[in-house]
Protein backbone atom coordinates (compact mmCIF):
# COMPACT_ATOMS: atom_id res chain seq x y z
CA MET A 1 -39.42 41.67 2.75
CA LYS A 2 -42.20 42.41 5.21
CA ILE A 3 -45.75 41.31 4.44
CA ARG A 4 -48.15 44.03 3.32
CA CYS A 5 -51.92 44.03 3.89
CA ILE A 6 -54.01 41.76 1.64
CA PRO A 7 -57.18 43.54 0.52
CA LEU A 8 -60.25 42.22 2.34
CA LEU A 9 -61.91 41.13 -0.93
CA LEU A 10 -58.97 38.85 -1.79
CA LEU A 11 -59.00 37.42 1.72
CA LEU A 12 -62.68 36.56 1.34
CA ILE A 13 -61.97 34.95 -2.03
CA PHE A 14 -59.21 32.90 -0.42
CA ILE A 15 -61.53 31.70 2.38
CA THR A 16 -64.30 30.86 -0.11
CA ALA A 17 -61.93 28.91 -2.33
CA CYS A 18 -60.55 26.89 0.56
CA SER A 19 -63.99 26.04 1.93
CA SER A 20 -65.31 24.95 -1.46
CA GLY A 21 -62.31 22.79 -2.28
CA ASN A 22 -61.34 24.91 -5.31
CA ASP A 23 -57.73 25.36 -6.29
CA ILE A 24 -56.73 28.76 -5.02
CA GLU A 25 -54.74 29.42 -8.21
CA GLU A 26 -57.98 29.23 -10.19
CA THR A 27 -59.70 31.78 -7.96
CA ILE A 28 -57.25 34.60 -7.23
CA PRO A 29 -56.40 36.89 -10.15
CA ASP A 30 -53.05 36.29 -11.80
CA GLU A 31 -51.53 39.53 -10.47
CA VAL A 32 -51.93 40.46 -6.82
CA THR A 33 -50.01 43.58 -5.81
CA ALA A 34 -49.58 45.20 -2.42
CA THR A 35 -50.95 48.66 -1.83
CA PRO A 36 -48.26 51.04 -3.10
CA LEU A 37 -46.70 53.39 -0.59
CA TYR A 38 -46.75 57.14 -1.08
CA PHE A 39 -43.59 59.15 -0.40
CA PRO A 40 -43.69 62.90 0.28
CA PRO A 41 -41.29 65.05 -1.76
CA SER A 42 -38.13 66.35 -0.15
CA GLN A 43 -37.75 69.98 0.91
CA SER A 44 -41.49 70.55 0.63
CA PRO A 45 -44.43 70.76 3.06
CA GLU A 46 -46.53 68.79 0.58
CA TRP A 47 -47.79 65.47 1.91
CA GLU A 48 -50.83 63.67 0.55
CA THR A 49 -53.62 62.78 2.94
CA LEU A 50 -56.23 60.06 3.39
CA SER A 51 -59.38 60.65 5.37
CA ALA A 52 -60.52 58.29 8.09
CA ASN A 53 -63.87 58.14 6.30
CA GLU A 54 -62.19 56.90 3.10
CA LEU A 55 -60.60 54.11 5.10
CA GLY A 56 -63.85 53.18 6.80
CA TRP A 57 -62.44 53.96 10.24
CA ASN A 58 -64.70 54.68 13.19
CA THR A 59 -64.62 58.47 13.22
CA ALA A 60 -66.98 58.55 16.21
CA ASN A 61 -63.93 57.62 18.32
CA GLU A 62 -61.58 60.23 16.82
CA SER A 63 -62.30 62.96 19.35
CA SER A 64 -61.80 60.52 22.23
CA LEU A 65 -58.33 59.67 20.88
CA GLN A 66 -57.46 63.35 20.48
CA SER A 67 -58.60 64.15 24.00
CA PHE A 68 -56.61 61.26 25.43
CA LEU A 69 -53.45 62.46 23.67
CA GLU A 70 -53.91 66.05 24.78
CA GLU A 71 -54.63 65.08 28.39
CA ASN A 72 -51.43 63.02 28.49
CA GLY A 73 -48.90 65.65 27.51
CA THR A 74 -48.74 65.01 23.76
CA LYS A 75 -47.16 67.70 21.59
CA ALA A 76 -47.38 66.06 18.15
CA PHE A 77 -49.18 63.01 16.80
CA ILE A 78 -49.20 61.58 13.27
CA ILE A 79 -50.79 58.50 11.69
CA LEU A 80 -49.58 57.42 8.24
CA LYS A 81 -51.53 54.82 6.28
CA ASP A 82 -49.88 53.64 3.05
CA GLY A 83 -47.54 56.60 3.50
CA LYS A 84 -50.33 59.19 3.51
CA ILE A 85 -51.35 61.31 6.49
CA VAL A 86 -54.64 60.29 8.09
CA ALA A 87 -54.18 62.24 11.31
CA GLU A 88 -51.79 65.07 12.15
CA TRP A 89 -52.51 66.82 15.42
CA TYR A 90 -50.49 69.36 17.39
CA PHE A 91 -51.14 70.56 20.93
CA ASP A 92 -50.18 73.57 23.03
CA ASP A 93 -47.76 75.77 21.09
CA HIS A 94 -46.30 72.90 19.06
CA THR A 95 -46.55 73.15 15.25
CA GLN A 96 -45.58 71.23 12.15
CA ASN A 97 -42.26 73.10 12.19
CA THR A 98 -41.37 72.61 15.87
CA SER A 99 -38.42 70.37 16.69
CA TRP A 100 -38.61 67.96 19.62
CA TYR A 101 -36.25 65.38 21.08
CA TRP A 102 -36.46 61.71 20.12
CA ALA A 103 -34.76 60.55 23.33
CA SER A 104 -34.01 56.82 23.01
CA ALA A 105 -36.29 56.47 20.00
CA GLY A 106 -33.28 57.98 18.22
CA LYS A 107 -31.36 54.76 18.86
CA THR A 108 -33.15 53.44 15.78
CA LEU A 109 -31.40 56.08 13.66
CA THR A 110 -28.04 54.81 14.92
CA SER A 111 -29.02 51.21 14.20
CA PHE A 112 -29.97 52.06 10.62
CA THR A 113 -26.76 54.05 10.10
CA VAL A 114 -24.59 51.19 11.39
CA GLY A 115 -26.31 49.00 8.78
CA ILE A 116 -25.39 51.50 6.06
CA ALA A 117 -21.75 51.57 7.21
CA GLN A 118 -21.60 47.78 7.15
CA GLU A 119 -23.18 47.62 3.69
CA GLN A 120 -20.61 50.12 2.43
CA GLY A 121 -17.81 47.89 3.73
CA PHE A 122 -16.51 50.15 6.50
CA LEU A 123 -17.21 47.72 9.35
CA ASN A 124 -18.70 44.36 10.26
CA LEU A 125 -20.95 43.58 13.21
CA GLU A 126 -18.59 40.81 14.26
CA ASP A 127 -15.65 43.23 14.50
CA LYS A 128 -14.26 43.88 17.94
CA THR A 129 -15.24 47.31 19.21
CA SER A 130 -11.63 47.91 20.21
CA ALA A 131 -10.68 47.80 16.53
CA TYR A 132 -12.38 51.21 16.20
CA LEU A 133 -12.11 52.69 19.70
CA GLY A 134 -8.66 51.35 20.57
CA THR A 135 -7.70 49.09 23.44
CA GLY A 136 -8.55 50.41 26.86
CA TRP A 137 -11.91 51.94 25.88
CA THR A 138 -13.29 50.15 28.97
CA ALA A 139 -11.97 49.59 32.49
CA THR A 140 -12.19 45.82 32.08
CA GLU A 141 -9.40 43.31 31.73
CA ALA A 142 -8.01 43.05 28.20
CA GLU A 143 -9.48 39.59 27.59
CA GLN A 144 -12.93 40.77 28.74
CA GLU A 145 -12.85 43.88 26.55
CA ASP A 146 -11.68 41.75 23.66
CA LEU A 147 -14.98 39.84 23.71
CA ILE A 148 -17.12 42.91 22.97
CA THR A 149 -18.18 43.40 19.35
CA ILE A 150 -20.29 45.93 17.47
CA ARG A 151 -23.13 43.41 17.56
CA HIS A 152 -23.03 43.43 21.37
CA GLN A 153 -23.33 47.23 21.36
CA LEU A 154 -26.33 47.00 19.02
CA THR A 155 -28.09 44.36 21.10
CA MET A 156 -27.40 45.71 24.62
CA THR A 157 -25.33 42.65 25.50
CA SER A 158 -21.89 44.18 26.12
CA GLY A 159 -21.76 42.76 29.65
CA LEU A 160 -20.66 46.15 30.99
CA ASP A 161 -22.21 47.39 34.23
CA ASP A 162 -25.35 49.42 33.43
CA GLY A 163 -25.45 50.50 37.07
CA GLN A 164 -22.70 53.00 36.30
CA GLY A 165 -25.16 55.26 34.46
CA ASP A 166 -24.89 56.74 30.98
CA CYS A 167 -21.20 57.60 31.25
CA LYS A 168 -19.12 56.48 28.26
CA THR A 169 -15.59 57.08 29.58
CA PRO A 170 -13.43 54.03 30.43
CA ASP A 171 -13.60 54.56 34.20
CA CYS A 172 -17.35 53.82 34.29
CA LEU A 173 -17.42 51.06 31.66
CA THR A 174 -16.73 48.26 34.09
CA TYR A 175 -17.10 44.50 33.83
CA LEU A 176 -20.19 42.68 35.08
CA ALA A 177 -20.47 39.68 32.73
CA ASP A 178 -18.90 38.30 29.58
CA ALA A 179 -20.23 39.94 26.43
CA GLY A 180 -23.25 38.11 25.04
CA THR A 181 -24.30 36.54 28.36
CA ARG A 182 -26.34 39.37 29.90
CA TRP A 183 -28.91 41.81 28.45
CA ALA A 184 -29.07 45.25 30.03
CA TYR A 185 -30.30 48.56 28.65
CA HIS A 186 -27.09 50.58 28.77
CA ASN A 187 -26.62 53.94 27.04
CA GLY A 188 -22.84 54.12 27.41
CA PRO A 189 -21.85 51.34 24.97
CA TYR A 190 -24.72 52.32 22.65
CA THR A 191 -23.61 55.96 22.44
CA LEU A 192 -20.10 54.86 21.50
CA LEU A 193 -21.50 53.39 18.30
CA ASP A 194 -21.38 56.93 16.93
CA GLU A 195 -17.62 56.97 17.45
CA VAL A 196 -17.29 53.48 15.98
CA VAL A 197 -18.98 54.63 12.77
CA ALA A 198 -17.03 57.89 12.68
CA ASN A 199 -13.67 56.12 13.09
CA ALA A 200 -14.59 53.34 10.65
CA THR A 201 -15.67 55.77 7.92
CA GLU A 202 -13.11 58.46 8.80
CA THR A 203 -16.02 60.90 8.72
CA GLU A 204 -17.56 62.91 11.53
CA TRP A 205 -20.71 61.13 12.79
CA THR A 206 -23.19 63.89 12.01
CA ALA A 207 -21.79 64.44 8.50
CA TYR A 208 -21.97 60.71 7.71
CA PHE A 209 -25.50 60.42 9.08
CA ASN A 210 -26.73 63.50 7.22
CA GLU A 211 -25.24 62.46 3.88
CA ASN A 212 -26.25 58.82 3.96
CA LEU A 213 -29.63 58.96 5.68
CA ARG A 214 -31.15 62.27 6.76
CA ASP A 215 -30.74 64.29 3.56
CA LYS A 216 -31.66 61.39 1.26
CA ILE A 217 -35.19 61.13 2.63
CA GLY A 218 -35.82 64.80 3.26
CA MET A 219 -35.61 64.74 7.05
CA ASP A 220 -34.72 67.79 9.09
CA GLY A 221 -33.10 67.70 12.51
CA PHE A 222 -29.80 67.61 14.34
CA TRP A 223 -27.84 65.64 16.95
CA PHE A 224 -27.21 67.28 20.31
CA SER A 225 -24.72 65.91 22.82
CA ARG A 226 -26.12 66.13 26.33
CA ASN A 227 -23.24 66.83 28.72
CA ASP A 228 -20.99 64.86 26.36
CA VAL A 229 -22.73 61.71 27.56
CA ASN A 230 -25.51 60.84 25.15
CA ASN A 231 -26.26 61.98 21.62
CA VAL A 232 -29.94 62.95 21.31
CA TYR A 233 -31.71 63.66 18.02
CA PHE A 234 -34.12 66.56 17.57
CA SER A 235 -36.50 66.97 14.62
CA THR A 236 -40.07 67.69 13.61
CA ALA A 237 -42.69 64.98 13.95
CA ARG A 238 -42.91 64.71 10.16
CA SER A 239 -39.22 63.83 10.00
CA MET A 240 -39.75 60.99 12.46
CA ALA A 241 -42.63 59.86 10.25
CA ARG A 242 -40.35 59.94 7.19
CA PHE A 243 -37.87 57.65 8.91
CA GLY A 244 -40.69 55.31 9.91
CA LEU A 245 -41.90 55.20 6.32
CA LEU A 246 -38.37 54.34 5.13
CA ASN A 247 -38.31 51.36 7.47
CA LEU A 248 -41.82 50.32 6.52
CA ASN A 249 -40.59 50.11 2.92
CA ASP A 250 -37.55 47.99 3.80
CA GLY A 251 -34.91 50.69 3.46
CA ILE A 252 -36.07 52.02 0.08
CA TRP A 253 -37.22 55.63 -0.28
CA ASN A 254 -39.38 56.31 -3.33
CA GLY A 255 -37.32 53.92 -5.47
CA GLU A 256 -33.91 54.87 -4.03
CA THR A 257 -32.22 52.26 -1.88
CA ILE A 258 -30.92 53.81 1.33
CA LEU A 259 -30.09 50.47 2.98
CA GLY A 260 -30.31 47.42 0.75
CA ASP A 261 -28.94 44.75 3.08
CA THR A 262 -32.11 42.73 3.53
CA ASP A 263 -30.47 40.37 6.04
CA TYR A 264 -29.52 43.30 8.26
CA LEU A 265 -32.97 44.87 7.95
CA ASP A 266 -34.60 41.58 8.89
CA GLN A 267 -32.30 41.04 11.88
CA MET A 268 -32.72 44.65 12.99
CA ALA A 269 -36.47 44.25 13.45
CA ASN A 270 -36.41 40.73 14.93
CA SER A 271 -35.08 39.14 18.12
CA SER A 272 -31.37 39.89 18.10
CA GLN A 273 -30.50 37.52 20.96
CA ASN A 274 -32.24 35.07 23.29
CA LEU A 275 -31.88 37.06 26.50
CA ASN A 276 -34.56 39.63 25.62
CA ARG A 277 -36.67 38.34 22.74
CA SER A 278 -38.42 41.70 22.45
CA TYR A 279 -35.28 43.61 21.45
CA GLY A 280 -33.72 43.83 18.00
CA TYR A 281 -30.91 46.11 16.91
CA LEU A 282 -31.95 49.02 19.17
CA TRP A 283 -35.63 48.50 18.20
CA TRP A 284 -38.34 47.21 20.56
CA LEU A 285 -40.40 44.29 19.23
CA ASN A 286 -43.98 43.36 19.97
CA GLY A 287 -45.62 39.95 19.80
CA LYS A 288 -42.81 37.95 21.39
CA GLU A 289 -43.25 35.42 24.18
CA SER A 290 -41.41 37.50 26.77
CA TYR A 291 -39.62 40.80 27.37
CA ARG A 292 -37.27 42.61 29.71
CA LEU A 293 -37.33 46.28 30.61
CA PRO A 294 -34.60 48.85 31.31
CA GLN A 295 -33.10 48.95 34.81
CA THR A 296 -34.19 45.45 35.75
CA GLN A 297 -33.16 41.85 35.12
CA LEU A 298 -36.71 40.57 35.55
CA GLN A 299 -38.31 38.74 32.63
CA PHE A 300 -42.01 39.24 31.93
CA ASN A 301 -44.16 36.82 29.95
CA GLY A 302 -46.31 37.91 27.03
CA PRO A 303 -46.04 40.62 24.38
CA LEU A 304 -44.62 44.06 25.08
CA VAL A 305 -47.84 45.93 24.16
CA PRO A 306 -50.77 43.46 24.28
CA ASN A 307 -53.24 45.84 22.59
CA ALA A 308 -50.94 46.53 19.63
CA PRO A 309 -50.53 44.41 16.47
CA ARG A 310 -48.17 41.51 17.01
CA ASP A 311 -45.83 42.50 14.16
CA MET A 312 -45.30 46.04 15.44
CA TYR A 313 -41.75 47.19 16.09
CA SER A 314 -40.96 50.48 17.74
CA GLY A 315 -38.52 53.20 18.58
CA LEU A 316 -39.30 54.10 22.19
CA GLY A 317 -37.81 57.01 24.09
CA ARG A 318 -37.91 58.63 27.50
CA ASP A 319 -40.96 60.76 28.23
CA ASP A 320 -43.03 58.65 25.83
CA GLN A 321 -41.46 59.48 22.50
CA LYS A 322 -42.96 56.85 20.17
CA LEU A 323 -42.32 55.61 16.64
CA TYR A 324 -44.57 52.65 15.87
CA ILE A 325 -44.25 50.67 12.63
CA VAL A 326 -46.87 48.05 11.72
CA PRO A 327 -45.98 46.27 8.44
CA SER A 328 -49.19 44.20 8.31
CA GLU A 329 -51.28 47.37 8.26
CA ASN A 330 -48.93 49.71 6.34
CA LEU A 331 -48.99 51.99 9.38
CA VAL A 332 -46.49 54.44 10.83
CA ILE A 333 -47.49 56.27 14.01
CA VAL A 334 -45.55 59.06 15.72
CA ARG A 335 -46.08 60.52 19.18
CA MET A 336 -43.88 63.29 20.62
CA GLY A 337 -44.37 65.13 23.87
CA GLU A 338 -44.01 65.22 27.63
CA SER A 339 -44.13 62.10 29.75
CA ALA A 340 -47.67 60.68 29.93
CA GLU A 341 -47.09 59.32 33.42
CA GLU A 342 -44.55 59.42 36.23
CA SER A 343 -42.38 56.65 34.78
CA LEU A 344 -39.39 57.90 32.81
CA LEU A 345 -38.81 54.56 31.08
CA ALA A 346 -39.11 54.25 27.31
CA LEU A 347 -41.99 51.79 27.72
CA SER A 348 -45.02 52.54 29.90
CA SER A 349 -48.65 51.58 30.38
CA PHE A 350 -49.38 54.59 28.15
CA ASP A 351 -48.50 52.45 25.11
CA ASN A 352 -51.20 49.91 25.86
CA ALA A 353 -53.80 52.56 26.72
CA LEU A 354 -52.97 54.46 23.53
CA TRP A 355 -53.38 51.35 21.40
CA GLU A 356 -56.75 50.64 22.99
CA ARG A 357 -57.97 53.98 21.64
CA LEU A 358 -56.17 53.58 18.32
CA ASN A 359 -57.92 50.25 17.79
CA ALA A 360 -61.28 51.86 18.51
CA PHE A 361 -60.54 54.63 16.00
CA MET A 362 -59.14 52.36 13.26
CA ASP A 363 -61.83 49.70 13.73
């Protein structure tokens, strides 16, 4: 389970007890409970709110944050604290009911759904991908293809040549390295996870996803195949926030377990391999000692987003689609919109600049 915030009063008690030599068990009350999370009802616009004033946030910096978002192409922005809405802002003609694309932030939906399929016994991460796609799903030699597992698809370590673009047909899934020896952000093998799940469950991908995830937590939205190359999810910003809240609460939605495999959940949001420590199962991780970015084999030292909390993990998509989850603060933050800068990568300097202003607001 992920650690929740300890109330400041208890933290002060803990510090006082330690400095005075007292036994901490004599000082802290017998029952210490985490702040409970609120869950909005399904099929309803109702969603409880918290004001920034109630939280003691620095409201003098709220307008600066709003202006920064608007000036950088934002369409929708939501901050959840303890599951409740603290900020919900829309710009231009965007509204609470407008759908927008998740881009690669939607990879996190696939990751979660693969976990459900494994928990239900339909597949195992160690299974060979060819067991579900058939032999010859790549243009590699049989022994090279045989090395690729579902885990490699989830961790971007298939070894297939990412220089071939997003194509998922065998002719452009060519060998570059043995599976597990090279990390590269590659949409082709990732996108085929949808077919892996569909073939494993003998259920069409969208139907399986809707029944086992989307509808259970009251999300809206749909998958759209772009030129039969990449499945992209579209939904309202509130639906992205719902999914973030589900992950914040370790796969449990208002008492109903959607994904109960705690080992999978833990692995999903932690370093999935040693080649890129800042990548889990299709989630980006902050606070690690190094990271790699799409379209390069360079390794950079330090955390992914220095201004953000170290325990943050994120769904990041093209044109700055953002789903930030911060367990230590019980925070879920959603940003949808146009690209904030010229870079089309999922990660940009916009993340760090945004967190600078978020910190000033939530101070």
